[in-house]
Amino acid sequence: MKLRKTVCMLIAAALLFALASLGASAEDLSEGSRGDEVEQVQARLVELGYLAGAADGIFGAQTAAAVELFQYFHDLGVTGVVDDATYERLFDADVRALRAQLSSGDRGDEVVALQEKLIQYGFLRDNADGIYGGNTADAVQAFQEHLIAQGIDENEVYGVSATGVATPLTQEYLFSETYSTYLETLAPGASGGEVRRVERRLYDLGYLDADPDDEYDSYAVECVTAYQQASGLTADGTVNRATVDALFASDAAVAGRFVAHDIALGDDNGAVRSVQRLLNQYGVLSDVEDGEFGSLVQAGIERMYAYLSEQGSEYAALFADPTQLSAEAQDVLAEEDLFYYVEDVESGASEAVVERVQRRLHTLYYLSRFEIDGIYGGDTRDAIEQFQQNNGLEVTGVADEETQRLLFSADPVGDWTQYKLEISLDDQYVYVYELNAQGEYEQIDAFICSTGLGDSTPRGIFTQTQPLDRWHYFTKFECWAQYAYQIEGDILFHSVLYSQRDTSTLRVNSVYALGSKASHGCVRLQVEDAQWIYENCDSGTVVVVY
């Protein structure tokens, strides 16, 4: 009997100890509390980044402020008191710690994530390069000023200061799923920083084709209206809270193309790039889509006018002036099916029809630019056969109406190589794309480079590429380079330069020049990048220079 009584007493004592160890679940902790339970809570707050210093078991003002902060960011009642709900969430295994502070000079994936969010919210117009530089600091400061404008007082426990330093609190607001960036309603004619932020987002989503500014003008209103229509919102051109919340969401509706506006010879913008893509599609242009309205685009418009006129199209007049293209003409290009079947492309077909087919085959990487001659020969027949095979058509080598309808559509299958290399003369980067399982090119890398001074590196689409030499000697310049890969003629990918066929004779100035135009037309790369192209890109790999 005594033994049973003793066992019961021990069990009761154990239960009391267990309840005591739960701390806040038995009794709330607040300012003035002391003891092991307080120390346990403080240690957890320190671990999660909400409290600085060490756990001392004394619940003071700093601990209360840390509890308030934790409660604020976890949708708990902000009391500064550790009640049951706060305690349970605090010690939840899945609870996330505050992000580490980021500031100028920091690099890495955390900076990339920060930049991507700032871009999404319209505070940064830049690439997410993982480097916390001046533009990123300015964007962080703009976001902090935005928070303060919404009433988040820098003197509050969970407030911020406009310093440009991405404090843990700043990042919590930035990454919060419940945070809204809405500040004020914008009506046509409005101006200010919020207009610029909205326009940046519209530009990134593909609606607005102009440099974002502070003026909410008629074109910006058109772009907002187009976004509202695409998002199922009331399309009145007024930027209200519903529009802001949808516009800056991660799943915001992306435009198929920019909202059209008049363009003219000499323009350089996204609207021109969209027109180039469409003129390429209809086989009247074989230019790269670089956004420049120059002589080639002008020639493409002339061909479009001639083609539509020959077919008696009602839209021909819209293309009568090759030095400009109205918004209406761009809408027609984008929305109307302007394909007109004339004849099969085979031996004896008219030059104009053959040439249109050849241009389109070129932009889809089936033909080199030297094979656009208006003559139906072996190369053209082979290209048509490959196109038919890739697109599930009967392989005849004759471009009949069915073949042409698919060829001049927006979504034919091109002659995709495993890799595609795009060289941006403006950025001085080589962007590397790989064909994924969905049959689409996906960017996998970017190599800093030096292209040719002036216009010595030709723009265009190149398909007759091939690896050349492990070491290549430039007779004219009396120097060497590693891993030469031919783009066209004397235009090569290759490494930085050497005085001799010896890695110890590196010309350091060629390394320092990477990122700027410095060559005589070739594309210089870091050794490891040139080696990658040389070893991985087969003959015929598509190279696009723009």
Protein backbone atom coordinates (compact mmCIF):
# COMPACT_ATOMS: atom_id res chain seq x y z
CA MET A 1 0.00 0.00 0.00
CA LYS A 2 2.81 2.39 0.92
CA LEU A 3 4.58 1.50 -2.34
CA ARG A 4 1.46 2.31 -4.38
CA LYS A 5 1.08 5.63 -2.52
CA THR A 6 4.72 6.49 -3.14
CA VAL A 7 4.40 5.72 -6.87
CA CYS A 8 1.33 7.94 -7.12
CA MET A 9 3.14 10.77 -5.40
CA LEU A 10 6.07 10.41 -7.79
CA ILE A 11 3.75 10.49 -10.81
CA ALA A 12 2.01 13.60 -9.48
CA ALA A 13 5.36 15.28 -8.89
CA ALA A 14 6.47 14.43 -12.42
CA LEU A 15 3.30 15.91 -13.85
CA LEU A 16 3.78 19.11 -11.87
CA PHE A 17 7.38 19.34 -13.08
CA ALA A 18 6.28 18.82 -16.70
CA LEU A 19 3.68 21.56 -16.38
CA ALA A 20 6.23 23.90 -14.87
CA SER A 21 8.67 23.17 -17.67
CA LEU A 22 6.10 24.32 -20.19
CA GLY A 23 6.56 27.81 -18.85
CA ALA A 24 4.20 30.12 -20.62
CA SER A 25 1.65 27.39 -21.27
CA ALA A 26 1.02 27.31 -17.51
CA GLU A 27 1.51 31.04 -16.78
CA ASP A 28 1.96 34.01 -19.12
CA LEU A 29 5.33 35.72 -19.10
CA SER A 30 5.48 39.51 -19.22
CA GLU A 31 7.71 42.43 -18.31
CA GLY A 32 9.00 41.89 -14.79
CA SER A 33 8.94 38.05 -14.98
CA ARG A 34 12.11 36.21 -14.05
CA GLY A 35 13.44 32.67 -14.06
CA ASP A 36 14.34 29.71 -16.22
CA GLU A 37 11.21 30.02 -18.34
CA VAL A 38 12.11 33.59 -19.25
CA GLU A 39 15.68 32.53 -20.08
CA GLN A 40 14.33 29.76 -22.32
CA VAL A 41 12.12 32.23 -24.22
CA GLN A 42 14.96 34.75 -24.53
CA ALA A 43 17.34 32.10 -25.88
CA ARG A 44 14.79 31.19 -28.55
CA LEU A 45 14.29 34.86 -29.50
CA VAL A 46 18.06 35.29 -29.79
CA GLU A 47 18.28 32.14 -31.96
CA LEU A 48 15.60 33.49 -34.31
CA GLY A 49 17.19 36.93 -34.56
CA TYR A 50 14.52 38.92 -32.71
CA LEU A 51 16.59 39.68 -29.62
CA ALA A 52 20.20 40.85 -29.44
CA GLY A 53 22.59 39.83 -26.68
CA ALA A 54 22.39 36.93 -24.25
CA ALA A 55 19.53 35.34 -22.33
CA ASP A 56 19.66 36.49 -18.67
CA GLY A 57 16.31 35.29 -17.35
CA ILE A 58 15.02 38.84 -16.72
CA PHE A 59 12.00 39.92 -18.78
CA GLY A 60 12.78 43.59 -19.44
CA ALA A 61 11.80 46.20 -22.03
CA GLN A 62 14.09 44.70 -24.73
CA THR A 63 12.59 41.26 -24.30
CA ALA A 64 9.07 42.72 -24.44
CA ALA A 65 9.97 44.57 -27.65
CA ALA A 66 11.37 41.35 -29.18
CA VAL A 67 8.19 39.48 -28.26
CA GLU A 68 6.09 42.25 -29.82
CA LEU A 69 8.15 42.03 -32.98
CA PHE A 70 7.75 38.27 -33.15
CA GLN A 71 4.00 38.56 -32.60
CA TYR A 72 3.70 41.26 -35.28
CA PHE A 73 5.33 39.16 -37.99
CA HIS A 74 3.44 36.00 -37.06
CA ASP A 75 -0.07 37.49 -37.00
CA LEU A 76 -0.43 37.19 -33.24
CA GLY A 77 -1.88 39.75 -30.88
CA VAL A 78 0.87 42.34 -30.31
CA THR A 79 0.95 42.50 -26.52
CA GLY A 80 4.57 41.86 -25.56
CA VAL A 81 3.25 39.06 -23.33
CA VAL A 82 4.23 35.43 -23.96
CA ASP A 83 0.85 33.72 -23.81
CA ASP A 84 0.05 30.18 -24.88
CA ALA A 85 -0.32 31.01 -28.59
CA THR A 86 2.93 33.00 -28.67
CA TYR A 87 4.83 30.29 -26.82
CA GLU A 88 3.55 27.55 -29.11
CA ARG A 89 4.48 29.48 -32.26
CA LEU A 90 7.85 30.52 -30.84
CA PHE A 91 8.90 26.93 -30.31
CA ASP A 92 7.34 25.58 -33.48
CA ALA A 93 9.99 23.61 -35.35
CA ASP A 94 8.94 25.22 -38.65
CA VAL A 95 9.17 28.83 -37.50
CA ARG A 96 11.65 30.81 -39.61
CA ALA A 97 14.40 33.04 -38.25
CA LEU A 98 14.72 36.67 -39.30
CA ARG A 99 16.86 37.21 -42.39
CA ALA A 100 20.42 38.37 -41.95
CA GLN A 101 21.13 42.06 -42.57
CA LEU A 102 22.40 42.97 -46.03
CA SER A 103 24.23 46.12 -47.08
CA SER A 104 26.55 47.60 -49.72
CA GLY A 105 29.29 45.21 -50.76
CA ASP A 106 27.39 42.03 -49.91
CA ARG A 107 27.06 39.34 -52.59
CA GLY A 108 25.27 36.05 -53.06
CA ASP A 109 21.91 34.37 -53.43
CA GLU A 110 20.40 36.39 -50.56
CA VAL A 111 21.15 39.59 -52.47
CA VAL A 112 19.64 38.07 -55.65
CA ALA A 113 16.40 37.28 -53.79
CA LEU A 114 16.33 40.81 -52.36
CA GLN A 115 16.88 42.38 -55.79
CA GLU A 116 14.23 40.20 -57.43
CA LYS A 117 11.66 41.34 -54.85
CA LEU A 118 12.65 45.00 -55.28
CA ILE A 119 12.29 44.59 -59.06
CA GLN A 120 8.88 42.95 -58.59
CA TYR A 121 7.70 45.88 -56.45
CA GLY A 122 9.00 48.45 -58.92
CA PHE A 123 11.70 49.94 -56.71
CA LEU A 124 14.62 48.63 -58.75
CA ARG A 125 15.08 48.71 -62.50
CA ASP A 126 18.13 46.54 -62.91
CA ASN A 127 19.26 42.95 -63.23
CA ALA A 128 19.34 40.75 -60.14
CA ASP A 129 23.10 40.20 -60.27
CA GLY A 130 23.66 39.30 -56.62
CA ILE A 131 25.83 42.38 -55.95
CA TYR A 132 24.59 44.92 -53.38
CA GLY A 133 25.70 48.12 -55.12
CA GLY A 134 24.50 51.71 -55.24
CA ASN A 135 21.36 51.00 -57.27
CA THR A 136 20.29 48.28 -54.84
CA ALA A 137 20.94 50.54 -51.84
CA ASP A 138 18.87 53.32 -53.46
CA ALA A 139 16.05 50.84 -54.12
CA VAL A 140 16.10 49.61 -50.51
CA GLN A 141 15.98 53.21 -49.28
CA ALA A 142 13.05 53.94 -51.62
CA PHE A 143 11.22 50.91 -50.23
CA GLN A 144 11.91 52.05 -46.66
CA GLU A 145 10.61 55.54 -47.48
CA HIS A 146 7.55 53.83 -48.95
CA LEU A 147 6.99 51.99 -45.67
CA ILE A 148 7.33 55.20 -43.66
CA ALA A 149 4.85 56.95 -45.99
CA GLN A 150 2.36 54.23 -45.12
CA GLY A 151 2.67 55.05 -41.44
CA ILE A 152 5.30 52.55 -40.34
CA ASP A 153 7.06 54.88 -37.90
CA GLU A 154 10.81 54.45 -37.69
CA ASN A 155 10.53 54.93 -33.91
CA GLU A 156 8.18 52.00 -33.40
CA VAL A 157 9.38 48.61 -32.22
CA TYR A 158 8.63 47.14 -35.63
CA GLY A 159 9.48 50.25 -37.65
CA VAL A 160 12.22 51.04 -40.16
CA SER A 161 14.60 53.84 -41.03
CA ALA A 162 15.35 55.01 -44.58
CA THR A 163 19.04 54.07 -44.57
CA GLY A 164 19.43 51.91 -47.67
CA VAL A 165 20.55 49.03 -45.45
CA ALA A 166 18.38 45.93 -45.78
CA THR A 167 17.81 45.28 -42.09
CA PRO A 168 16.03 42.11 -40.99
CA LEU A 169 12.87 44.17 -40.40
CA THR A 170 13.04 45.75 -43.84
CA GLN A 171 13.32 42.31 -45.40
CA GLU A 172 10.42 40.98 -43.35
CA TYR A 173 8.17 43.65 -44.81
CA LEU A 174 9.59 43.10 -48.30
CA PHE A 175 9.05 39.33 -48.30
CA SER A 176 5.79 39.27 -46.33
CA GLU A 177 2.99 37.58 -48.28
CA THR A 178 0.42 39.79 -46.57
CA TYR A 179 2.18 43.08 -47.18
CA SER A 180 0.46 45.39 -49.67
CA THR A 181 2.42 48.00 -51.60
CA TYR A 182 -0.67 50.19 -52.04
CA LEU A 183 -0.07 53.81 -51.07
CA GLU A 184 -2.42 56.05 -53.03
CA THR A 185 -4.93 55.98 -55.87
CA LEU A 186 -3.57 57.28 -59.18
CA ALA A 187 -5.93 58.92 -61.66
CA PRO A 188 -5.00 60.11 -65.18
CA GLY A 189 -2.82 63.20 -64.88
CA ALA A 190 -1.25 62.16 -61.56
CA SER A 191 2.49 62.51 -60.98
CA GLY A 192 5.14 61.42 -58.51
CA GLY A 193 7.20 58.47 -57.40
CA GLU A 194 4.28 56.06 -57.25
CA VAL A 195 3.66 56.64 -60.96
CA ARG A 196 7.27 55.72 -61.74
CA ARG A 197 6.99 52.58 -59.64
CA VAL A 198 3.81 51.48 -61.42
CA GLU A 199 5.34 52.20 -64.83
CA ARG A 200 8.45 50.17 -63.99
CA ARG A 201 6.27 47.18 -63.18
CA LEU A 202 4.20 47.66 -66.34
CA TYR A 203 7.42 47.78 -68.35
CA ASP A 204 8.76 44.57 -66.76
CA LEU A 205 5.46 42.80 -67.44
CA GLY A 206 5.56 43.84 -71.10
CA TYR A 207 2.73 46.40 -71.24
CA LEU A 208 4.54 49.73 -71.32
CA ASP A 209 7.20 50.52 -73.89
CA ALA A 210 8.75 53.74 -72.65
CA ASP A 211 11.21 54.84 -70.01
CA PRO A 212 9.29 54.96 -66.72
CA ASP A 213 8.81 58.51 -65.47
CA ASP A 214 6.75 60.43 -62.90
CA GLU A 215 3.90 61.40 -65.22
CA TYR A 216 0.73 59.35 -65.50
CA ASP A 217 0.06 60.32 -69.13
CA SER A 218 -2.38 58.94 -71.69
CA TYR A 219 -0.04 56.17 -72.84
CA ALA A 220 0.51 54.97 -69.28
CA VAL A 221 -3.28 54.98 -68.80
CA GLU A 222 -3.63 52.77 -71.90
CA CYS A 223 -1.08 50.34 -70.45
CA VAL A 224 -2.81 50.21 -67.05
CA THR A 225 -6.14 49.63 -68.78
CA ALA A 226 -4.63 46.78 -70.81
CA TYR A 227 -3.25 45.25 -67.61
CA GLN A 228 -6.63 45.56 -65.87
CA GLN A 229 -8.34 43.85 -68.82
CA ALA A 230 -5.80 41.00 -68.76
CA SER A 231 -6.31 40.59 -65.00
CA GLY A 232 -10.10 40.64 -64.93
CA LEU A 233 -10.22 43.99 -63.09
CA THR A 234 -12.39 47.00 -63.79
CA ALA A 235 -10.62 48.50 -66.82
CA ASP A 236 -10.94 52.22 -66.07
CA GLY A 237 -7.27 53.24 -66.08
CA THR A 238 -7.38 54.21 -62.39
CA VAL A 239 -4.67 52.67 -60.24
CA ASN A 240 -6.56 51.67 -57.10
CA ARG A 241 -5.68 49.20 -54.35
CA ALA A 242 -7.03 46.18 -56.25
CA THR A 243 -4.91 47.11 -59.28
CA VAL A 244 -1.78 47.64 -57.16
CA ASP A 245 -2.16 44.35 -55.30
CA ALA A 246 -2.61 42.45 -58.58
CA LEU A 247 0.10 44.39 -60.43
CA PHE A 248 2.82 43.72 -57.87
CA ALA A 249 1.86 40.12 -57.14
CA SER A 250 4.31 37.36 -58.09
CA ASP A 251 1.73 35.89 -60.49
CA ALA A 252 0.81 39.18 -62.20
CA ALA A 253 -0.51 38.80 -65.75
CA VAL A 254 2.28 39.08 -68.33
CA ALA A 255 1.56 40.84 -71.62
CA GLY A 256 1.92 39.08 -74.92
CA ARG A 257 3.37 42.30 -76.32
CA PHE A 258 3.72 45.99 -75.49
CA VAL A 259 0.69 48.24 -75.84
CA ALA A 260 1.19 49.65 -79.33
CA HIS A 261 2.28 53.21 -80.01
CA ASP A 262 3.55 54.92 -83.16
CA ILE A 263 7.19 54.19 -84.03
CA ALA A 264 9.49 55.76 -86.63
CA LEU A 265 12.90 55.45 -88.25
CA GLY A 266 15.60 55.92 -85.61
CA ASP A 267 13.55 54.59 -82.68
CA ASP A 268 15.10 52.00 -80.36
CA ASN A 269 12.55 50.36 -78.07
CA GLY A 270 10.48 47.29 -77.28
CA ALA A 271 7.77 48.17 -79.81
CA VAL A 272 10.33 48.01 -82.62
CA ARG A 273 11.53 44.66 -81.27
CA SER A 274 7.96 43.31 -81.38
CA VAL A 275 7.57 44.56 -84.97
CA GLN A 276 10.86 42.89 -85.96
CA ARG A 277 9.62 39.59 -84.53
CA LEU A 278 6.39 39.82 -86.52
CA LEU A 279 8.09 40.88 -89.75
CA ASN A 280 10.45 37.92 -89.28
CA GLN A 281 7.43 35.69 -88.81
CA TYR A 282 5.93 36.75 -92.16
CA GLY A 283 9.22 36.26 -93.98
CA VAL A 284 9.76 39.88 -95.02
CA LEU A 285 12.66 40.37 -92.61
CA SER A 286 15.52 38.16 -91.46
CA ASP A 287 17.02 40.53 -88.93
CA VAL A 288 17.77 39.92 -85.24
CA GLU A 289 15.29 41.41 -82.81
CA ASP A 290 17.44 44.22 -81.40
CA GLY A 291 14.78 46.96 -81.12
CA GLU A 292 16.45 49.32 -83.63
CA PHE A 293 14.33 50.87 -86.37
CA GLY A 294 16.98 51.13 -89.07
CA SER A 295 17.34 50.47 -92.78
CA LEU A 296 16.68 46.73 -92.40
CA VAL A 297 13.35 47.26 -90.66
CA GLN A 298 12.51 49.86 -93.28
CA ALA A 299 13.20 47.31 -96.03
CA GLY A 300 11.03 44.77 -94.20
CA ILE A 301 8.09 47.19 -94.11
CA GLU A 302 8.56 47.86 -97.83
CA ARG A 303 8.41 44.12 -98.54
CA MET A 304 5.31 43.79 -96.34
CA TYR A 305 3.61 46.57 -98.28
CA ALA A 306 4.47 44.96 -101.64
CA TYR A 307 3.30 41.53 -100.44
CA LEU A 308 -0.03 42.80 -99.08
CA SER A 309 -0.61 44.96 -102.14
CA GLU A 310 -0.07 42.01 -104.49
CA GLN A 311 -2.68 40.06 -102.54
CA GLY A 312 -5.14 42.95 -102.55
CA SER A 313 -5.16 43.14 -98.75
CA GLU A 314 -7.20 45.91 -97.14
CA TYR A 315 -4.31 46.44 -94.70
CA ALA A 316 -1.67 47.26 -97.32
CA ALA A 317 -2.07 51.03 -96.94
CA LEU A 318 -1.01 50.82 -93.28
CA PHE A 319 2.49 49.87 -94.47
CA ALA A 320 2.79 52.38 -97.33
CA ASP A 321 5.33 54.59 -95.50
CA PRO A 322 8.38 52.48 -94.57
CA THR A 323 9.79 55.19 -92.28
CA GLN A 324 7.05 54.83 -89.70
CA LEU A 325 4.51 52.37 -88.40
CA SER A 326 1.34 53.37 -86.61
CA ALA A 327 -0.11 51.70 -83.56
CA GLU A 328 -2.96 50.51 -85.79
CA ALA A 329 -0.50 48.80 -88.17
CA GLN A 330 1.22 47.10 -85.23
CA ASP A 331 -2.15 45.89 -83.95
CA VAL A 332 -2.88 44.41 -87.36
CA LEU A 333 0.50 42.66 -87.44
CA ALA A 334 -0.10 41.18 -84.01
CA GLU A 335 -3.77 40.31 -84.27
CA GLU A 336 -4.47 39.47 -87.92
CA ASP A 337 -3.45 36.41 -89.92
CA LEU A 338 -1.64 38.05 -92.82
CA PHE A 339 -0.54 34.86 -94.55
CA TYR A 340 -1.68 34.59 -98.15
CA TYR A 341 -0.91 31.41 -100.09
CA VAL A 342 0.51 32.18 -103.54
CA GLU A 343 2.12 28.97 -104.81
CA ASP A 344 4.09 25.91 -103.73
CA VAL A 345 7.78 26.54 -103.17
CA GLU A 346 9.55 24.07 -105.43
CA SER A 347 11.68 24.09 -108.58
CA GLY A 348 10.50 26.94 -110.81
CA ALA A 349 8.68 28.89 -108.09
CA SER A 350 8.80 32.69 -108.25
CA GLU A 351 11.79 34.38 -106.65
CA ALA A 352 9.76 36.56 -104.26
CA VAL A 353 7.87 33.58 -102.80
CA VAL A 354 11.03 31.46 -102.45
CA GLU A 355 12.85 34.34 -100.78
CA ARG A 356 10.06 34.81 -98.21
CA VAL A 357 10.24 31.13 -97.31
CA GLN A 358 14.05 31.29 -97.12
CA ARG A 359 13.97 34.30 -94.79
CA ARG A 360 11.57 32.54 -92.45
CA LEU A 361 13.66 29.37 -92.53
CA HIS A 362 16.68 31.51 -91.64
CA THR A 363 15.04 33.04 -88.58
CA LEU A 364 14.11 29.52 -87.46
CA TYR A 365 17.78 28.46 -87.88
CA TYR A 366 17.33 26.13 -90.88
CA LEU A 367 19.32 28.23 -93.36
CA SER A 368 22.35 30.49 -93.21
CA ARG A 369 21.98 34.10 -94.36
CA PHE A 370 24.06 33.35 -97.45
CA GLU A 371 21.38 30.97 -98.68
CA ILE A 372 18.68 33.66 -98.92
CA ASP A 373 18.83 34.15 -102.70
CA GLY A 374 15.33 33.48 -104.03
CA ILE A 375 16.47 30.29 -105.79
CA TYR A 376 15.01 26.90 -104.91
CA GLY A 377 18.11 24.72 -104.69
CA GLY A 378 19.39 21.78 -102.70
CA ASP A 379 19.99 23.73 -99.50
CA THR A 380 16.48 25.16 -99.54
CA ARG A 381 14.93 21.75 -100.28
CA ASP A 382 16.93 20.17 -97.43
CA ALA A 383 15.84 22.93 -95.05
CA ILE A 384 12.17 22.48 -95.99
CA GLU A 385 12.47 18.74 -95.46
CA GLN A 386 14.01 19.26 -92.02
CA PHE A 387 11.28 21.73 -91.14
CA GLN A 388 8.58 19.29 -92.23
CA GLN A 389 10.17 16.48 -90.25
CA ASN A 390 10.54 18.59 -87.09
CA ASN A 391 6.92 19.74 -87.32
CA GLY A 392 5.26 16.41 -88.06
CA LEU A 393 4.43 17.13 -91.71
CA GLU A 394 4.84 14.90 -94.72
CA VAL A 395 8.48 15.19 -95.77
CA THR A 396 8.50 16.20 -99.44
CA GLY A 397 10.93 19.11 -99.68
CA VAL A 398 8.12 21.10 -101.30
CA ALA A 399 6.66 23.94 -99.24
CA ASP A 400 2.97 23.45 -100.03
CA GLU A 401 0.16 25.50 -98.50
CA GLU A 402 0.02 23.41 -95.32
CA THR A 403 3.77 23.73 -94.82
CA GLN A 404 3.71 27.47 -95.44
CA ARG A 405 0.78 28.08 -93.10
CA LEU A 406 2.72 26.50 -90.26
CA LEU A 407 6.01 28.10 -91.33
CA PHE A 408 4.55 31.62 -91.19
CA SER A 409 2.62 31.02 -87.97
CA ALA A 410 3.75 32.19 -84.52
CA ASP A 411 4.68 28.76 -83.17
CA PRO A 412 6.54 26.48 -85.61
CA VAL A 413 9.33 24.24 -84.33
CA GLY A 414 12.73 25.61 -85.32
CA ASP A 415 15.91 23.70 -86.04
CA TRP A 416 16.90 23.86 -82.39
CA THR A 417 20.43 22.87 -81.43
CA GLN A 418 21.25 21.63 -77.93
CA TYR A 419 22.68 25.02 -77.06
CA LYS A 420 22.06 28.53 -78.32
CA LEU A 421 24.51 31.38 -77.72
CA GLU A 422 23.28 34.97 -77.72
CA ILE A 423 25.80 37.80 -77.70
CA SER A 424 24.61 41.20 -76.44
CA LEU A 425 26.83 43.95 -77.82
CA ASP A 426 25.30 46.39 -75.33
CA ASP A 427 25.72 44.20 -72.25
CA GLN A 428 29.05 42.62 -73.32
CA TYR A 429 27.80 39.23 -72.23
CA VAL A 430 27.32 35.88 -73.94
CA TYR A 431 24.06 34.33 -72.73
CA VAL A 432 24.00 30.53 -72.89
CA TYR A 433 20.70 28.70 -73.48
CA GLU A 434 20.02 24.97 -73.36
CA LEU A 435 17.08 23.13 -74.91
CA ASN A 436 14.90 21.79 -72.08
CA ALA A 437 12.49 18.85 -71.94
CA GLN A 438 9.62 21.12 -73.03
CA GLY A 439 11.42 21.97 -76.27
CA GLU A 440 12.20 25.53 -75.16
CA TYR A 441 15.48 27.35 -74.69
CA GLU A 442 16.28 28.02 -71.04
CA GLN A 443 19.16 30.27 -69.94
CA ILE A 444 21.77 28.34 -67.99
CA ASP A 445 24.74 30.71 -67.86
CA ALA A 446 26.18 34.09 -68.83
CA PHE A 447 29.81 34.80 -69.81
CA ILE A 448 31.38 38.25 -69.64
CA CYS A 449 33.09 39.08 -72.92
CA SER A 450 34.75 41.70 -75.12
CA THR A 451 33.32 42.17 -78.60
CA GLY A 452 34.72 44.24 -81.45
CA LEU A 453 35.30 47.95 -81.40
CA GLY A 454 32.72 49.95 -83.35
CA ASP A 455 30.64 47.66 -85.57
CA SER A 456 33.37 45.09 -86.22
CA THR A 457 31.33 42.29 -84.61
CA PRO A 458 28.51 41.61 -87.10
CA ARG A 459 24.93 41.34 -85.89
CA GLY A 460 22.79 38.49 -87.11
CA ILE A 461 21.91 34.80 -86.85
CA PHE A 462 24.74 32.36 -87.53
CA THR A 463 24.27 28.64 -88.07
CA GLN A 464 27.49 27.48 -89.74
CA THR A 465 29.51 27.55 -86.55
CA GLN A 466 32.24 25.07 -85.59
CA PRO A 467 35.12 24.44 -83.14
CA LEU A 468 38.49 25.36 -84.72
CA ASP A 469 41.72 25.22 -82.74
CA ARG A 470 42.84 24.41 -79.21
CA TRP A 471 45.40 27.18 -79.72
CA HIS A 472 44.81 29.76 -82.45
CA TYR A 473 47.39 32.14 -83.90
CA PHE A 474 46.39 35.58 -85.21
CA THR A 475 48.97 36.35 -87.87
CA LYS A 476 47.92 39.96 -88.31
CA PHE A 477 48.16 40.77 -84.61
CA GLU A 478 50.99 38.35 -83.71
CA CYS A 479 49.26 36.84 -80.71
CA TRP A 480 47.64 33.62 -79.55
CA ALA A 481 44.37 32.58 -77.94
CA GLN A 482 42.94 29.36 -76.57
CA TYR A 483 39.80 27.45 -77.61
CA ALA A 484 38.88 29.11 -80.90
CA TYR A 485 35.32 28.49 -82.07
CA GLN A 486 34.22 29.93 -85.41
CA ILE A 487 31.07 32.06 -85.62
CA GLU A 488 31.56 33.16 -89.23
CA GLY A 489 34.69 33.78 -91.30
CA ASP A 490 37.30 35.50 -89.12
CA ILE A 491 34.80 36.16 -86.32
CA LEU A 492 35.53 33.70 -83.49
CA PHE A 493 34.88 32.93 -79.87
CA HIS A 494 38.25 32.62 -78.14
CA SER A 495 39.99 33.16 -74.83
CA VAL A 496 41.90 36.21 -73.67
CA LEU A 497 45.20 36.76 -75.47
CA TYR A 498 48.75 35.45 -75.09
CA SER A 499 52.04 36.67 -76.58
CA GLN A 500 53.18 33.08 -77.13
CA ARG A 501 51.63 29.64 -77.15
CA ASP A 502 52.24 29.52 -73.44
CA THR A 503 49.85 30.32 -70.58
CA SER A 504 52.62 32.20 -68.79
CA THR A 505 52.58 34.89 -71.52
CA LEU A 506 49.04 36.09 -70.78
CA ARG A 507 48.30 39.63 -71.96
CA VAL A 508 46.77 40.97 -68.78
CA ASN A 509 45.23 43.97 -70.54
CA SER A 510 42.92 41.62 -72.48
CA VAL A 511 41.63 40.30 -69.15
CA TYR A 512 41.04 43.78 -67.74
CA ALA A 513 39.17 44.73 -70.93
CA LEU A 514 36.49 42.05 -70.46
CA GLY A 515 33.10 43.72 -70.17
CA SER A 516 33.90 46.37 -72.79
CA LYS A 517 34.41 46.47 -76.55
CA ALA A 518 38.08 45.82 -77.18
CA SER A 519 38.61 43.25 -79.95
CA HIS A 520 38.86 43.50 -83.74
CA GLY A 521 35.56 41.68 -84.17
CA CYS A 522 36.02 38.40 -82.31
CA VAL A 523 34.36 37.60 -78.99
CA ARG A 524 36.96 37.29 -76.22
CA LEU A 525 36.13 35.27 -73.13
CA GLN A 526 37.65 34.04 -69.92
CA VAL A 527 39.61 30.87 -70.58
CA GLU A 528 37.15 28.58 -68.80
CA ASP A 529 34.20 30.08 -70.70
CA ALA A 530 35.91 29.76 -74.09
CA GLN A 531 36.79 26.18 -73.18
CA TRP A 532 33.16 25.40 -72.32
CA ILE A 533 31.95 26.59 -75.73
CA TYR A 534 34.76 24.75 -77.51
CA GLU A 535 34.04 21.46 -75.73
CA ASN A 536 30.22 21.55 -75.54
CA CYS A 537 28.91 23.35 -78.63
CA ASP A 538 28.80 21.12 -81.70
CA SER A 539 29.21 22.33 -85.27
CA GLY A 540 26.10 24.23 -86.34
CA THR A 541 25.26 25.55 -82.87
CA VAL A 542 23.07 28.63 -83.26
CA VAL A 543 24.75 31.94 -82.43
CA VAL A 544 22.73 35.17 -82.36
CA VAL A 545 24.49 38.55 -82.16
CA TYR A 546 22.37 41.60 -81.36
